[in-house]
Protein backbone atom coordinates (compact mmCIF):
# COMPACT_ATOMS: atom_id res chain seq x y z
CA UNK A 1 0.00 0.00 0.00
CA UNK A 2 1.33 3.44 -0.89
CA UNK A 3 1.70 5.89 1.99
CA UNK A 4 -0.74 8.38 0.47
CA UNK A 5 -3.51 5.86 -0.29
CA UNK A 6 -6.88 6.96 1.11
CA UNK A 7 -8.67 4.12 2.88
CA UNK A 8 -12.43 4.06 3.32
CA UNK A 9 -13.45 5.33 6.75
CA UNK A 10 -17.05 4.08 6.57
CA UNK A 11 -18.92 1.16 5.04
CA UNK A 12 -22.49 0.83 3.84
CA UNK A 13 -23.46 -2.03 6.16
CA UNK A 14 -22.72 -0.39 9.50
CA UNK A 15 -22.52 3.33 8.79
CA UNK A 16 -25.70 3.95 6.78
CA UNK A 17 -29.20 3.36 8.15
CA UNK A 18 -31.90 3.03 5.50
CA UNK A 19 -35.18 4.10 7.08
CA UNK A 20 -37.50 3.87 4.10
CA UNK A 21 -37.47 3.35 0.32
CA UNK A 22 -40.45 4.45 -1.75
CA UNK A 23 -40.83 4.15 -5.52
CA UNK A 24 -41.98 7.55 -6.81
CA UNK A 25 -41.82 6.77 -10.54
CA UNK A 26 -41.80 3.54 -12.53
CA UNK A 27 -41.69 3.56 -16.32
CA UNK A 28 -38.88 2.45 -18.63
CA UNK A 29 -36.69 3.48 -15.68
CA UNK A 30 -37.45 3.77 -11.97
CA UNK A 31 -36.93 6.51 -9.39
CA UNK A 32 -36.86 5.62 -5.68
CA UNK A 33 -36.97 8.03 -2.76
CA UNK A 34 -34.66 7.05 0.10
CA UNK A 35 -34.94 8.20 3.71
CA UNK A 36 -31.67 7.50 5.50
CA UNK A 37 -29.13 8.54 8.11
CA UNK A 38 -25.35 8.23 7.95
CA UNK A 39 -22.32 8.63 10.16
CA UNK A 40 -20.52 11.97 10.06
CA UNK A 41 -16.80 12.57 9.64
CA UNK A 42 -16.59 14.46 12.93
CA UNK A 43 -18.57 11.83 14.85
CA UNK A 44 -22.24 11.08 15.49
CA UNK A 45 -25.01 10.63 12.97
CA UNK A 46 -26.73 12.90 10.47
CA UNK A 47 -30.36 13.89 10.63
CA UNK A 48 -32.74 11.96 8.37
CA UNK A 49 -31.85 12.77 4.76
CA UNK A 50 -34.15 12.39 1.74
CA UNK A 51 -32.67 11.62 -1.69
CA UNK A 52 -34.24 10.52 -4.97
CA UNK A 53 -32.21 7.87 -6.80
CA UNK A 54 -32.46 7.08 -10.50
CA UNK A 55 -32.50 3.25 -10.55
CA UNK A 56 -31.35 2.75 -14.12
CA UNK A 57 -29.72 -0.64 -13.65
CA UNK A 58 -26.14 -1.57 -14.59
CA UNK A 59 -24.54 -1.60 -18.02
CA UNK A 60 -21.52 -2.76 -19.97
CA UNK A 61 -19.24 -0.46 -21.93
CA UNK A 62 -17.05 -2.03 -24.61
CA UNK A 63 -14.03 -0.44 -26.29
CA UNK A 64 -13.44 -2.23 -29.63
CA UNK A 65 -9.75 -1.89 -30.51
CA UNK A 66 -7.67 -3.32 -33.35
CA UNK A 67 -4.04 -3.54 -32.17
CA UNK A 68 -2.85 -4.36 -35.69
CA UNK A 69 -4.14 -1.15 -37.29
CA UNK A 70 -4.15 0.91 -34.06
CA UNK A 71 -7.78 1.86 -34.67
CA UNK A 72 -10.84 2.04 -32.45
CA UNK A 73 -14.42 1.40 -33.50
CA UNK A 74 -16.85 4.09 -32.38
CA UNK A 75 -20.60 4.26 -32.83
CA UNK A 76 -22.78 7.30 -33.49
CA UNK A 77 -26.40 7.58 -32.41
CA UNK A 78 -28.91 10.14 -31.22
CA UNK A 79 -29.00 10.84 -27.47
CA UNK A 80 -31.97 13.08 -26.76
CA UNK A 81 -31.00 13.99 -23.16
CA UNK A 82 -27.96 15.80 -24.62
CA UNK A 83 -30.22 18.36 -26.33
CA UNK A 84 -29.47 21.86 -25.14
CA UNK A 85 -26.06 20.84 -23.78
CA UNK A 86 -24.06 20.22 -26.95
CA UNK A 87 -24.00 21.21 -30.62
CA UNK A 88 -25.25 17.83 -31.81
CA UNK A 89 -27.30 15.18 -30.04
CA UNK A 90 -25.70 12.52 -32.27
CA UNK A 91 -22.85 11.42 -30.03
CA UNK A 92 -19.72 9.40 -30.75
CA UNK A 93 -19.61 6.62 -28.20
CA UNK A 94 -18.28 3.24 -27.23
CA UNK A 95 -20.51 0.19 -27.47
CA UNK A 96 -22.80 -0.08 -24.44
CA UNK A 97 -25.88 -1.88 -23.22
CA UNK A 98 -27.93 -2.64 -20.15
CA UNK A 99 -27.40 -5.80 -18.08
CA UNK A 100 -30.62 -7.58 -17.16
CA UNK A 101 -30.93 -9.08 -13.69
CA UNK A 102 -30.32 -12.64 -14.94
CA UNK A 103 -27.47 -11.80 -17.34
CA UNK A 104 -23.69 -12.12 -17.12
CA UNK A 105 -21.84 -8.91 -17.95
CA UNK A 106 -19.31 -10.46 -20.33
CA UNK A 107 -22.05 -12.19 -22.31
CA UNK A 108 -23.85 -8.85 -22.63
CA UNK A 109 -20.60 -7.27 -23.81
CA UNK A 110 -20.28 -9.80 -26.65
CA UNK A 111 -23.95 -9.39 -27.61
CA UNK A 112 -23.91 -5.60 -27.64
CA UNK A 113 -20.71 -5.55 -29.68
CA UNK A 114 -22.39 -7.67 -32.35
CA UNK A 115 -25.69 -5.76 -32.26
CA UNK A 116 -24.13 -2.30 -32.47
CA UNK A 117 -21.13 -2.91 -34.76
CA UNK A 118 -21.57 -6.30 -36.41
CA UNK A 119 -18.22 -7.37 -34.96
CA UNK A 120 -17.20 -10.45 -33.00
CA UNK A 121 -14.42 -10.07 -30.45
CA UNK A 122 -11.45 -12.41 -30.79
CA UNK A 123 -10.68 -11.47 -27.17
CA UNK A 124 -12.82 -9.77 -24.51
CA UNK A 125 -11.05 -8.38 -21.44
CA UNK A 126 -12.66 -6.97 -18.31
CA UNK A 127 -10.88 -3.79 -17.18
CA UNK A 128 -12.81 -2.35 -14.23
CA UNK A 129 -16.18 -1.01 -13.16
CA UNK A 130 -17.19 2.51 -12.20
CA UNK A 131 -20.25 4.45 -11.09
CA UNK A 132 -21.78 6.61 -13.80
CA UNK A 133 -23.29 9.51 -11.83
CA UNK A 134 -23.33 8.56 -8.12
CA UNK A 135 -24.81 11.89 -7.10
CA UNK A 136 -28.18 10.75 -8.41
CA UNK A 137 -28.03 7.30 -10.02
CA UNK A 138 -27.19 3.77 -8.88
CA UNK A 139 -25.93 2.76 -12.33
CA UNK A 140 -22.54 1.03 -12.51
CA UNK A 141 -20.64 0.50 -15.78
CA UNK A 142 -18.64 -2.69 -16.37
CA UNK A 143 -15.87 -1.72 -18.77
CA UNK A 144 -14.31 -4.14 -21.27
CA UNK A 145 -11.93 -3.77 -24.15
CA UNK A 146 -12.49 -6.07 -27.11
CA UNK A 147 -9.84 -7.14 -29.60
CA UNK A 148 -11.43 -6.84 -33.05
CA UNK A 149 -10.65 -6.75 -36.76
CA UNK A 150 -11.58 -3.16 -37.52
CA UNK A 151 -11.56 -3.78 -41.28
CA UNK A 152 -14.85 -5.65 -40.86
CA UNK A 153 -16.63 -2.74 -39.16
CA UNK A 154 -19.02 -0.81 -41.36
CA UNK A 155 -22.64 0.10 -41.96
CA UNK A 156 -25.72 0.90 -39.93
CA UNK A 157 -26.69 -1.28 -36.98
CA UNK A 158 -29.01 -1.54 -33.99
CA UNK A 159 -32.27 -3.25 -33.11
CA UNK A 160 -35.32 -1.88 -34.88
CA UNK A 161 -37.69 -2.75 -32.03
CA UNK A 162 -35.50 -0.69 -29.69
CA UNK A 163 -35.57 2.21 -32.21
CA UNK A 164 -31.79 2.06 -32.54
CA UNK A 165 -30.15 3.77 -35.52
CA UNK A 166 -26.41 3.32 -35.08
CA UNK A 167 -23.64 4.28 -37.49
CA UNK A 168 -20.22 2.66 -37.18
CA UNK A 169 -16.97 4.63 -37.49
CA UNK A 170 -13.44 3.23 -37.65
CA UNK A 171 -11.05 5.85 -36.31
CA UNK A 172 -7.29 5.99 -35.88
CA UNK A 173 -6.60 6.02 -32.16
CA UNK A 174 -4.67 9.30 -32.35
CA UNK A 175 -7.64 10.93 -34.09
CA UNK A 176 -9.99 9.60 -31.41
CA UNK A 177 -7.81 11.15 -28.72
CA UNK A 178 -7.77 14.44 -30.61
CA UNK A 179 -11.59 14.36 -30.49
CA UNK A 180 -11.46 13.77 -26.75
CA UNK A 181 -9.09 16.69 -26.29
CA UNK A 182 -11.07 19.11 -28.47
CA UNK A 183 -14.44 18.13 -26.96
CA UNK A 184 -15.94 16.41 -30.01
CA UNK A 185 -16.21 13.29 -27.84
CA UNK A 186 -17.82 14.52 -24.63
CA UNK A 187 -19.60 11.62 -22.96
CA UNK A 188 -18.02 10.20 -19.83
CA UNK A 189 -17.77 6.48 -20.57
CA UNK A 190 -16.14 7.08 -23.96
CA UNK A 191 -13.68 9.62 -22.57
CA UNK A 192 -12.81 7.25 -19.72
CA UNK A 193 -12.39 4.30 -22.08
CA UNK A 194 -10.16 6.10 -24.56
CA UNK A 195 -8.04 7.64 -21.81
CA UNK A 196 -7.64 4.19 -20.26
CA UNK A 197 -6.41 2.90 -23.61
CA UNK A 198 -3.95 5.79 -23.90
CA UNK A 199 -2.47 4.79 -20.53
CA UNK A 200 -2.39 1.06 -21.30
CA UNK A 201 -1.39 0.73 -24.95
CA UNK A 202 1.62 -1.37 -24.00
CA UNK A 203 -0.66 -3.94 -22.35
CA UNK A 204 -3.13 -4.29 -25.22
CA UNK A 205 -0.54 -4.40 -28.00
CA UNK A 206 1.88 -6.85 -26.37
C-alpha atoms as a PDB file:
ATOM      1  CA  UNK A   1       0.000   0.000   0.000  1.00  0.00           C
ATOM      2  CA  UNK A   2       1.327   3.445  -0.888  1.00  0.00           C
ATOM      3  CA  UNK A   3       1.702   5.892   1.990  1.00  0.00           C
ATOM      4  CA  UNK A   4      -0.744   8.381   0.469  1.00  0.00           C
ATOM      5  CA  UNK A   5      -3.508   5.863  -0.292  1.00  0.00           C
ATOM      6  CA  UNK A   6      -6.882   6.960   1.114  1.00  0.00           C
ATOM      7  CA  UNK A   7      -8.667   4.118   2.883  1.00  0.00           C
ATOM      8  CA  UNK A   8     -12.426   4.056   3.319  1.00  0.00           C
ATOM      9  CA  UNK A   9     -13.446   5.326   6.748  1.00  0.00           C
ATOM     10  CA  UNK A  10     -17.049   4.085   6.565  1.00  0.00           C
ATOM     11  CA  UNK A  11     -18.923   1.165   5.040  1.00  0.00           C
ATOM     12  CA  UNK A  12     -22.492   0.832   3.838  1.00  0.00           C
ATOM     13  CA  UNK A  13     -23.463  -2.029   6.157  1.00  0.00           C
ATOM     14  CA  UNK A  14     -22.724  -0.392   9.504  1.00  0.00           C
ATOM     15  CA  UNK A  15     -22.521   3.325   8.788  1.00  0.00           C
ATOM     16  CA  UNK A  16     -25.700   3.952   6.781  1.00  0.00           C
ATOM     17  CA  UNK A  17     -29.200   3.359   8.154  1.00  0.00           C
ATOM     18  CA  UNK A  18     -31.901   3.025   5.495  1.00  0.00           C
ATOM     19  CA  UNK A  19     -35.175   4.102   7.084  1.00  0.00           C
ATOM     20  CA  UNK A  20     -37.503   3.873   4.096  1.00  0.00           C
ATOM     21  CA  UNK A  21     -37.474   3.349   0.321  1.00  0.00           C
ATOM     22  CA  UNK A  22     -40.455   4.451  -1.748  1.00  0.00           C
ATOM     23  CA  UNK A  23     -40.833   4.155  -5.521  1.00  0.00           C
ATOM     24  CA  UNK A  24     -41.983   7.548  -6.809  1.00  0.00           C
ATOM     25  CA  UNK A  25     -41.824   6.765 -10.541  1.00  0.00           C
ATOM     26  CA  UNK A  26     -41.797   3.536 -12.534  1.00  0.00           C
ATOM     27  CA  UNK A  27     -41.688   3.562 -16.316  1.00  0.00           C
ATOM     28  CA  UNK A  28     -38.880   2.449 -18.627  1.00  0.00           C
ATOM     29  CA  UNK A  29     -36.692   3.484 -15.683  1.00  0.00           C
ATOM     30  CA  UNK A  30     -37.455   3.771 -11.970  1.00  0.00           C
ATOM     31  CA  UNK A  31     -36.929   6.512  -9.394  1.00  0.00           C
ATOM     32  CA  UNK A  32     -36.861   5.621  -5.684  1.00  0.00           C
ATOM     33  CA  UNK A  33     -36.972   8.033  -2.756  1.00  0.00           C
ATOM     34  CA  UNK A  34     -34.660   7.046   0.100  1.00  0.00           C
ATOM     35  CA  UNK A  35     -34.944   8.195   3.711  1.00  0.00           C
ATOM     36  CA  UNK A  36     -31.668   7.497   5.505  1.00  0.00           C
ATOM     37  CA  UNK A  37     -29.129   8.540   8.113  1.00  0.00           C
ATOM     38  CA  UNK A  38     -25.355   8.232   7.949  1.00  0.00           C
ATOM     39  CA  UNK A  39     -22.322   8.626  10.163  1.00  0.00           C
ATOM     40  CA  UNK A  40     -20.518  11.973  10.059  1.00  0.00           C
ATOM     41  CA  UNK A  41     -16.801  12.574   9.639  1.00  0.00           C
ATOM     42  CA  UNK A  42     -16.591  14.464  12.933  1.00  0.00           C
ATOM     43  CA  UNK A  43     -18.569  11.833  14.854  1.00  0.00           C
ATOM     44  CA  UNK A  44     -22.238  11.083  15.490  1.00  0.00           C
ATOM     45  CA  UNK A  45     -25.012  10.628  12.973  1.00  0.00           C
ATOM     46  CA  UNK A  46     -26.727  12.902  10.471  1.00  0.00           C
ATOM     47  CA  UNK A  47     -30.362  13.886  10.630  1.00  0.00           C
ATOM     48  CA  UNK A  48     -32.744  11.958   8.367  1.00  0.00           C
ATOM     49  CA  UNK A  49     -31.852  12.772   4.761  1.00  0.00           C
ATOM     50  CA  UNK A  50     -34.148  12.394   1.736  1.00  0.00           C
ATOM     51  CA  UNK A  51     -32.671  11.618  -1.690  1.00  0.00           C
ATOM     52  CA  UNK A  52     -34.239  10.516  -4.972  1.00  0.00           C
ATOM     53  CA  UNK A  53     -32.209   7.872  -6.799  1.00  0.00           C
ATOM     54  CA  UNK A  54     -32.460   7.076 -10.504  1.00  0.00           C
ATOM     55  CA  UNK A  55     -32.501   3.255 -10.548  1.00  0.00           C
ATOM     56  CA  UNK A  56     -31.353   2.747 -14.125  1.00  0.00           C
ATOM     57  CA  UNK A  57     -29.719  -0.643 -13.654  1.00  0.00           C
ATOM     58  CA  UNK A  58     -26.143  -1.573 -14.586  1.00  0.00           C
ATOM     59  CA  UNK A  59     -24.539  -1.598 -18.020  1.00  0.00           C
ATOM     60  CA  UNK A  60     -21.516  -2.764 -19.974  1.00  0.00           C
ATOM     61  CA  UNK A  61     -19.240  -0.463 -21.934  1.00  0.00           C
ATOM     62  CA  UNK A  62     -17.050  -2.034 -24.615  1.00  0.00           C
ATOM     63  CA  UNK A  63     -14.028  -0.442 -26.295  1.00  0.00           C
ATOM     64  CA  UNK A  64     -13.437  -2.233 -29.629  1.00  0.00           C
ATOM     65  CA  UNK A  65      -9.754  -1.894 -30.511  1.00  0.00           C
ATOM     66  CA  UNK A  66      -7.672  -3.317 -33.352  1.00  0.00           C
ATOM     67  CA  UNK A  67      -4.044  -3.544 -32.168  1.00  0.00           C
ATOM     68  CA  UNK A  68      -2.847  -4.359 -35.690  1.00  0.00           C
ATOM     69  CA  UNK A  69      -4.136  -1.148 -37.287  1.00  0.00           C
ATOM     70  CA  UNK A  70      -4.147   0.907 -34.056  1.00  0.00           C
ATOM     71  CA  UNK A  71      -7.782   1.855 -34.673  1.00  0.00           C
ATOM     72  CA  UNK A  72     -10.841   2.044 -32.453  1.00  0.00           C
ATOM     73  CA  UNK A  73     -14.422   1.401 -33.503  1.00  0.00           C
ATOM     74  CA  UNK A  74     -16.853   4.089 -32.381  1.00  0.00           C
ATOM     75  CA  UNK A  75     -20.599   4.264 -32.830  1.00  0.00           C
ATOM     76  CA  UNK A  76     -22.780   7.296 -33.493  1.00  0.00           C
ATOM     77  CA  UNK A  77     -26.403   7.579 -32.405  1.00  0.00           C
ATOM     78  CA  UNK A  78     -28.912  10.140 -31.217  1.00  0.00           C
ATOM     79  CA  UNK A  79     -29.002  10.841 -27.470  1.00  0.00           C
ATOM     80  CA  UNK A  80     -31.973  13.083 -26.762  1.00  0.00           C
ATOM     81  CA  UNK A  81     -30.997  13.993 -23.162  1.00  0.00           C
ATOM     82  CA  UNK A  82     -27.964  15.798 -24.617  1.00  0.00           C
ATOM     83  CA  UNK A  83     -30.221  18.355 -26.327  1.00  0.00           C
ATOM     84  CA  UNK A  84     -29.468  21.858 -25.143  1.00  0.00           C
ATOM     85  CA  UNK A  85     -26.064  20.843 -23.782  1.00  0.00           C
ATOM     86  CA  UNK A  86     -24.061  20.222 -26.955  1.00  0.00           C
ATOM     87  CA  UNK A  87     -24.004  21.206 -30.622  1.00  0.00           C
ATOM     88  CA  UNK A  88     -25.255  17.830 -31.810  1.00  0.00           C
ATOM     89  CA  UNK A  89     -27.303  15.178 -30.045  1.00  0.00           C
ATOM     90  CA  UNK A  90     -25.703  12.520 -32.268  1.00  0.00           C
ATOM     91  CA  UNK A  91     -22.847  11.421 -30.035  1.00  0.00           C
ATOM     92  CA  UNK A  92     -19.721   9.404 -30.752  1.00  0.00           C
ATOM     93  CA  UNK A  93     -19.614   6.616 -28.199  1.00  0.00           C
ATOM     94  CA  UNK A  94     -18.279   3.239 -27.231  1.00  0.00           C
ATOM     95  CA  UNK A  95     -20.507   0.194 -27.472  1.00  0.00           C
ATOM     96  CA  UNK A  96     -22.798  -0.084 -24.441  1.00  0.00           C
ATOM     97  CA  UNK A  97     -25.883  -1.884 -23.221  1.00  0.00           C
ATOM     98  CA  UNK A  98     -27.934  -2.641 -20.150  1.00  0.00           C
ATOM     99  CA  UNK A  99     -27.401  -5.797 -18.081  1.00  0.00           C
ATOM    100  CA  UNK A 100     -30.625  -7.581 -17.161  1.00  0.00           C
ATOM    101  CA  UNK A 101     -30.927  -9.084 -13.687  1.00  0.00           C
ATOM    102  CA  UNK A 102     -30.323 -12.637 -14.944  1.00  0.00           C
ATOM    103  CA  UNK A 103     -27.470 -11.801 -17.339  1.00  0.00           C
ATOM    104  CA  UNK A 104     -23.686 -12.118 -17.117  1.00  0.00           C
ATOM    105  CA  UNK A 105     -21.838  -8.912 -17.946  1.00  0.00           C
ATOM    106  CA  UNK A 106     -19.307 -10.460 -20.331  1.00  0.00           C
ATOM    107  CA  UNK A 107     -22.049 -12.191 -22.315  1.00  0.00           C
ATOM    108  CA  UNK A 108     -23.849  -8.854 -22.634  1.00  0.00           C
ATOM    109  CA  UNK A 109     -20.599  -7.266 -23.814  1.00  0.00           C
ATOM    110  CA  UNK A 110     -20.278  -9.795 -26.652  1.00  0.00           C
ATOM    111  CA  UNK A 111     -23.946  -9.394 -27.610  1.00  0.00           C
ATOM    112  CA  UNK A 112     -23.908  -5.603 -27.640  1.00  0.00           C
ATOM    113  CA  UNK A 113     -20.710  -5.552 -29.679  1.00  0.00           C
ATOM    114  CA  UNK A 114     -22.389  -7.667 -32.354  1.00  0.00           C
ATOM    115  CA  UNK A 115     -25.691  -5.759 -32.262  1.00  0.00           C
ATOM    116  CA  UNK A 116     -24.132  -2.305 -32.470  1.00  0.00           C
ATOM    117  CA  UNK A 117     -21.127  -2.905 -34.762  1.00  0.00           C
ATOM    118  CA  UNK A 118     -21.573  -6.303 -36.414  1.00  0.00           C
ATOM    119  CA  UNK A 119     -18.216  -7.372 -34.957  1.00  0.00           C
ATOM    120  CA  UNK A 120     -17.198 -10.448 -32.996  1.00  0.00           C
ATOM    121  CA  UNK A 121     -14.419 -10.068 -30.453  1.00  0.00           C
ATOM    122  CA  UNK A 122     -11.455 -12.409 -30.789  1.00  0.00           C
ATOM    123  CA  UNK A 123     -10.678 -11.468 -27.166  1.00  0.00           C
ATOM    124  CA  UNK A 124     -12.825  -9.767 -24.512  1.00  0.00           C
ATOM    125  CA  UNK A 125     -11.051  -8.383 -21.443  1.00  0.00           C
ATOM    126  CA  UNK A 126     -12.657  -6.965 -18.306  1.00  0.00           C
ATOM    127  CA  UNK A 127     -10.882  -3.791 -17.175  1.00  0.00           C
ATOM    128  CA  UNK A 128     -12.815  -2.355 -14.229  1.00  0.00           C
ATOM    129  CA  UNK A 129     -16.176  -1.006 -13.159  1.00  0.00           C
ATOM    130  CA  UNK A 130     -17.190   2.510 -12.200  1.00  0.00           C
ATOM    131  CA  UNK A 131     -20.249   4.445 -11.091  1.00  0.00           C
ATOM    132  CA  UNK A 132     -21.779   6.611 -13.800  1.00  0.00           C
ATOM    133  CA  UNK A 133     -23.288   9.513 -11.826  1.00  0.00           C
ATOM    134  CA  UNK A 134     -23.329   8.564  -8.118  1.00  0.00           C
ATOM    135  CA  UNK A 135     -24.814  11.890  -7.098  1.00  0.00           C
ATOM    136  CA  UNK A 136     -28.184  10.747  -8.409  1.00  0.00           C
ATOM    137  CA  UNK A 137     -28.030   7.304 -10.018  1.00  0.00           C
ATOM    138  CA  UNK A 138     -27.195   3.772  -8.879  1.00  0.00           C
ATOM    139  CA  UNK A 139     -25.925   2.761 -12.328  1.00  0.00           C
ATOM    140  CA  UNK A 140     -22.536   1.026 -12.513  1.00  0.00           C
ATOM    141  CA  UNK A 141     -20.643   0.503 -15.782  1.00  0.00           C
ATOM    142  CA  UNK A 142     -18.642  -2.688 -16.370  1.00  0.00           C
ATOM    143  CA  UNK A 143     -15.866  -1.722 -18.767  1.00  0.00           C
ATOM    144  CA  UNK A 144     -14.312  -4.143 -21.271  1.00  0.00           C
ATOM    145  CA  UNK A 145     -11.929  -3.774 -24.145  1.00  0.00           C
ATOM    146  CA  UNK A 146     -12.490  -6.070 -27.114  1.00  0.00           C
ATOM    147  CA  UNK A 147      -9.841  -7.141 -29.605  1.00  0.00           C
ATOM    148  CA  UNK A 148     -11.430  -6.841 -33.049  1.00  0.00           C
ATOM    149  CA  UNK A 149     -10.648  -6.754 -36.758  1.00  0.00           C
ATOM    150  CA  UNK A 150     -11.578  -3.158 -37.517  1.00  0.00           C
ATOM    151  CA  UNK A 151     -11.558  -3.782 -41.278  1.00  0.00           C
ATOM    152  CA  UNK A 152     -14.848  -5.654 -40.856  1.00  0.00           C
ATOM    153  CA  UNK A 153     -16.628  -2.745 -39.161  1.00  0.00           C
ATOM    154  CA  UNK A 154     -19.022  -0.806 -41.359  1.00  0.00           C
ATOM    155  CA  UNK A 155     -22.636   0.102 -41.961  1.00  0.00           C
ATOM    156  CA  UNK A 156     -25.719   0.899 -39.932  1.00  0.00           C
ATOM    157  CA  UNK A 157     -26.686  -1.281 -36.983  1.00  0.00           C
ATOM    158  CA  UNK A 158     -29.013  -1.536 -33.995  1.00  0.00           C
ATOM    159  CA  UNK A 159     -32.270  -3.249 -33.111  1.00  0.00           C
ATOM    160  CA  UNK A 160     -35.325  -1.876 -34.883  1.00  0.00           C
ATOM    161  CA  UNK A 161     -37.693  -2.753 -32.032  1.00  0.00           C
ATOM    162  CA  UNK A 162     -35.497  -0.691 -29.690  1.00  0.00           C
ATOM    163  CA  UNK A 163     -35.571   2.205 -32.208  1.00  0.00           C
ATOM    164  CA  UNK A 164     -31.794   2.061 -32.543  1.00  0.00           C
ATOM    165  CA  UNK A 165     -30.147   3.767 -35.520  1.00  0.00           C
ATOM    166  CA  UNK A 166     -26.405   3.316 -35.081  1.00  0.00           C
ATOM    167  CA  UNK A 167     -23.640   4.277 -37.493  1.00  0.00           C
ATOM    168  CA  UNK A 168     -20.215   2.661 -37.180  1.00  0.00           C
ATOM    169  CA  UNK A 169     -16.974   4.628 -37.494  1.00  0.00           C
ATOM    170  CA  UNK A 170     -13.441   3.228 -37.655  1.00  0.00           C
ATOM    171  CA  UNK A 171     -11.047   5.849 -36.313  1.00  0.00           C
ATOM    172  CA  UNK A 172      -7.288   5.987 -35.876  1.00  0.00           C
ATOM    173  CA  UNK A 173      -6.600   6.022 -32.158  1.00  0.00           C
ATOM    174  CA  UNK A 174      -4.667   9.301 -32.346  1.00  0.00           C
ATOM    175  CA  UNK A 175      -7.638  10.927 -34.091  1.00  0.00           C
ATOM    176  CA  UNK A 176      -9.995   9.595 -31.413  1.00  0.00           C
ATOM    177  CA  UNK A 177      -7.809  11.147 -28.717  1.00  0.00           C
ATOM    178  CA  UNK A 178      -7.774  14.444 -30.605  1.00  0.00           C
ATOM    179  CA  UNK A 179     -11.589  14.361 -30.495  1.00  0.00           C
ATOM    180  CA  UNK A 180     -11.459  13.773 -26.749  1.00  0.00           C
ATOM    181  CA  UNK A 181      -9.087  16.689 -26.287  1.00  0.00           C
ATOM    182  CA  UNK A 182     -11.073  19.107 -28.466  1.00  0.00           C
ATOM    183  CA  UNK A 183     -14.438  18.133 -26.965  1.00  0.00           C
ATOM    184  CA  UNK A 184     -15.945  16.410 -30.010  1.00  0.00           C
ATOM    185  CA  UNK A 185     -16.208  13.295 -27.845  1.00  0.00           C
ATOM    186  CA  UNK A 186     -17.820  14.520 -24.633  1.00  0.00           C
ATOM    187  CA  UNK A 187     -19.604  11.616 -22.957  1.00  0.00           C
ATOM    188  CA  UNK A 188     -18.024  10.200 -19.830  1.00  0.00           C
ATOM    189  CA  UNK A 189     -17.770   6.477 -20.570  1.00  0.00           C
ATOM    190  CA  UNK A 190     -16.145   7.084 -23.964  1.00  0.00           C
ATOM    191  CA  UNK A 191     -13.682   9.624 -22.571  1.00  0.00           C
ATOM    192  CA  UNK A 192     -12.808   7.248 -19.723  1.00  0.00           C
ATOM    193  CA  UNK A 193     -12.394   4.298 -22.076  1.00  0.00           C
ATOM    194  CA  UNK A 194     -10.159   6.101 -24.555  1.00  0.00           C
ATOM    195  CA  UNK A 195      -8.042   7.642 -21.814  1.00  0.00           C
ATOM    196  CA  UNK A 196      -7.641   4.187 -20.255  1.00  0.00           C
ATOM    197  CA  UNK A 197      -6.407   2.901 -23.613  1.00  0.00           C
ATOM    198  CA  UNK A 198      -3.945   5.787 -23.900  1.00  0.00           C
ATOM    199  CA  UNK A 199      -2.475   4.795 -20.531  1.00  0.00           C
ATOM    200  CA  UNK A 200      -2.395   1.060 -21.296  1.00  0.00           C
ATOM    201  CA  UNK A 201      -1.392   0.734 -24.948  1.00  0.00           C
ATOM    202  CA  UNK A 202       1.625  -1.368 -23.998  1.00  0.00           C
ATOM    203  CA  UNK A 203      -0.659  -3.939 -22.349  1.00  0.00           C
ATOM    204  CA  UNK A 204      -3.133  -4.294 -25.218  1.00  0.00           C
ATOM    205  CA  UNK A 205      -0.535  -4.396 -28.004  1.00  0.00           C
ATOM    206  CA  UNK A 206       1.883  -6.848 -26.374  1.00  0.00           C
END
